[in-house]
């Protein structure tokens, strides 16, 4: 089973940028899709970006134009770059991987990383 470990994030002023990494414990080659979710205090976890094994990328409207998701198969790592951060971007960010094998779907989560946007 793959394990995901996040690093990065932290505190930034409005308008700033934060980068997160999500390192997998084994090769991510063949993983069906990877993505980033976030959960703000008192709200449900929401999908903000995803990237498939074929490279198809989708972004939530709330981060479109500010969020970049990438992955490096050689380093078994996916990345998130979020620019022009606003207070409403404050949340715990989780990376996720989904592996589909036949009719089975395996989902794994990172430990979560807090991003705080405040002046």
Protein backbone atom coordinates (compact mmCIF):
# COMPACT_ATOMS: atom_id res chain seq x y z
CA UNK A 1 0.00 0.00 0.00
CA UNK A 2 1.32 3.42 -0.91
CA UNK A 3 1.82 5.97 1.84
CA UNK A 4 1.72 9.70 1.15
CA UNK A 5 3.75 12.23 3.15
CA UNK A 6 3.15 15.94 2.73
CA UNK A 7 5.61 18.75 3.33
CA UNK A 8 5.60 22.51 2.89
CA UNK A 9 2.80 24.95 3.50
CA UNK A 10 2.59 27.27 6.50
CA UNK A 11 1.70 30.90 7.12
CA UNK A 12 1.61 33.52 4.41
CA UNK A 13 0.21 37.00 3.94
CA UNK A 14 -2.61 37.64 1.46
CA UNK A 15 -1.26 37.70 -2.06
CA UNK A 16 1.55 35.32 -1.24
CA UNK A 17 2.26 31.82 -2.50
CA UNK A 18 2.71 28.41 -0.94
CA UNK A 19 4.00 25.16 -2.32
CA UNK A 20 3.23 21.70 -1.04
CA UNK A 21 4.85 18.40 -1.88
CA UNK A 22 3.36 14.96 -1.51
CA UNK A 23 5.87 12.13 -1.61
CA UNK A 24 4.69 8.58 -2.22
CA UNK A 25 6.37 5.58 -0.62
CA UNK A 26 6.52 3.76 -3.93
CA UNK A 27 6.25 4.45 -7.62
CA UNK A 28 3.29 6.57 -8.64
CA UNK A 29 3.57 5.31 -12.19
CA UNK A 30 0.28 3.62 -12.94
CA UNK A 31 -1.69 5.38 -10.22
CA UNK A 32 -4.97 6.33 -11.83
CA UNK A 33 -5.14 9.85 -10.48
CA UNK A 34 -3.68 12.10 -7.82
CA UNK A 35 -5.17 15.20 -6.36
CA UNK A 36 -5.37 17.85 -3.68
CA UNK A 37 -8.30 18.38 -1.36
CA UNK A 38 -8.80 21.01 1.28
CA UNK A 39 -10.95 21.34 4.34
CA UNK A 40 -11.59 24.66 5.99
CA UNK A 41 -12.72 24.84 9.59
CA UNK A 42 -16.36 23.87 9.86
CA UNK A 43 -16.65 22.92 6.19
CA UNK A 44 -16.60 19.72 4.20
CA UNK A 45 -13.49 18.49 2.45
CA UNK A 46 -13.49 19.58 -1.17
CA UNK A 47 -11.50 18.56 -4.24
CA UNK A 48 -9.49 21.49 -5.60
CA UNK A 49 -7.30 19.85 -8.24
CA UNK A 50 -6.59 16.50 -9.81
CA UNK A 51 -4.25 15.01 -12.37
CA UNK A 52 -4.72 11.67 -14.07
CA UNK A 53 -2.08 9.19 -15.15
CA UNK A 54 -2.57 10.50 -18.67
CA UNK A 55 -1.91 14.07 -17.56
CA UNK A 56 -5.47 15.41 -17.65
CA UNK A 57 -5.80 18.20 -15.09
CA UNK A 58 -8.91 19.65 -13.51
CA UNK A 59 -9.22 22.58 -11.12
CA UNK A 60 -12.06 23.78 -8.95
CA UNK A 61 -13.45 27.16 -9.93
CA UNK A 62 -12.30 28.59 -6.61
CA UNK A 63 -8.62 28.06 -7.46
CA UNK A 64 -8.67 28.23 -11.26
CA UNK A 65 -5.81 30.38 -12.49
CA UNK A 66 -4.03 30.36 -9.12
CA UNK A 67 -3.40 26.66 -8.55
CA UNK A 68 -0.92 24.44 -10.35
CA UNK A 69 -0.78 20.71 -9.81
CA UNK A 70 2.16 18.75 -11.15
CA UNK A 71 3.73 15.36 -10.60
CA UNK A 72 7.16 13.91 -11.07
CA UNK A 73 7.03 10.17 -11.68
CA UNK A 74 10.80 9.84 -11.25
CA UNK A 75 10.59 11.31 -7.74
CA UNK A 76 7.24 9.66 -6.89
CA UNK A 77 5.99 13.08 -5.86
CA UNK A 78 3.15 15.40 -6.69
CA UNK A 79 3.22 19.12 -6.05
CA UNK A 80 0.82 21.95 -5.47
CA UNK A 81 1.60 25.59 -6.09
CA UNK A 82 -1.03 28.07 -4.95
CA UNK A 83 -0.54 31.74 -5.78
CA UNK A 84 -2.39 34.93 -4.89
CA UNK A 85 -3.51 33.36 -1.65
CA UNK A 86 -6.49 34.85 0.15
CA UNK A 87 -7.81 34.31 3.67
CA UNK A 88 -10.51 32.02 2.27
CA UNK A 89 -7.75 29.66 1.13
CA UNK A 90 -6.93 28.94 4.77
CA UNK A 91 -7.50 25.23 5.22
CA UNK A 92 -5.90 21.88 5.80
CA UNK A 93 -4.73 20.56 2.46
CA UNK A 94 -4.63 16.83 1.79
CA UNK A 95 -3.03 14.99 -1.08
CA UNK A 96 -4.78 11.92 -2.40
CA UNK A 97 -4.03 9.05 -4.73
CA UNK A 98 -6.47 6.69 -6.39
CA UNK A 99 -5.49 3.36 -7.86
CA UNK A 100 -8.06 1.45 -9.88
CA UNK A 101 -7.42 -2.25 -10.38
CA UNK A 102 -10.21 -4.01 -12.17
CA UNK A 103 -13.36 -3.22 -10.24
CA UNK A 104 -11.46 -2.24 -7.08
CA UNK A 105 -10.64 1.34 -6.12
CA UNK A 106 -7.88 2.09 -3.63
CA UNK A 107 -7.69 5.59 -2.14
CA UNK A 108 -4.85 6.88 0.02
CA UNK A 109 -4.47 10.20 1.88
CA UNK A 110 -1.61 12.31 3.07
CA UNK A 111 -1.53 13.44 6.69
CA UNK A 112 -2.78 16.94 5.88
CA UNK A 113 -0.94 20.26 5.99
CA UNK A 114 -2.30 23.51 7.37
CA UNK A 115 -2.08 26.61 5.19
CA UNK A 116 -2.85 29.87 6.97
CA UNK A 117 -3.37 33.09 5.04
CA UNK A 118 -3.40 36.08 7.32
CA UNK A 119 -2.05 39.60 7.53
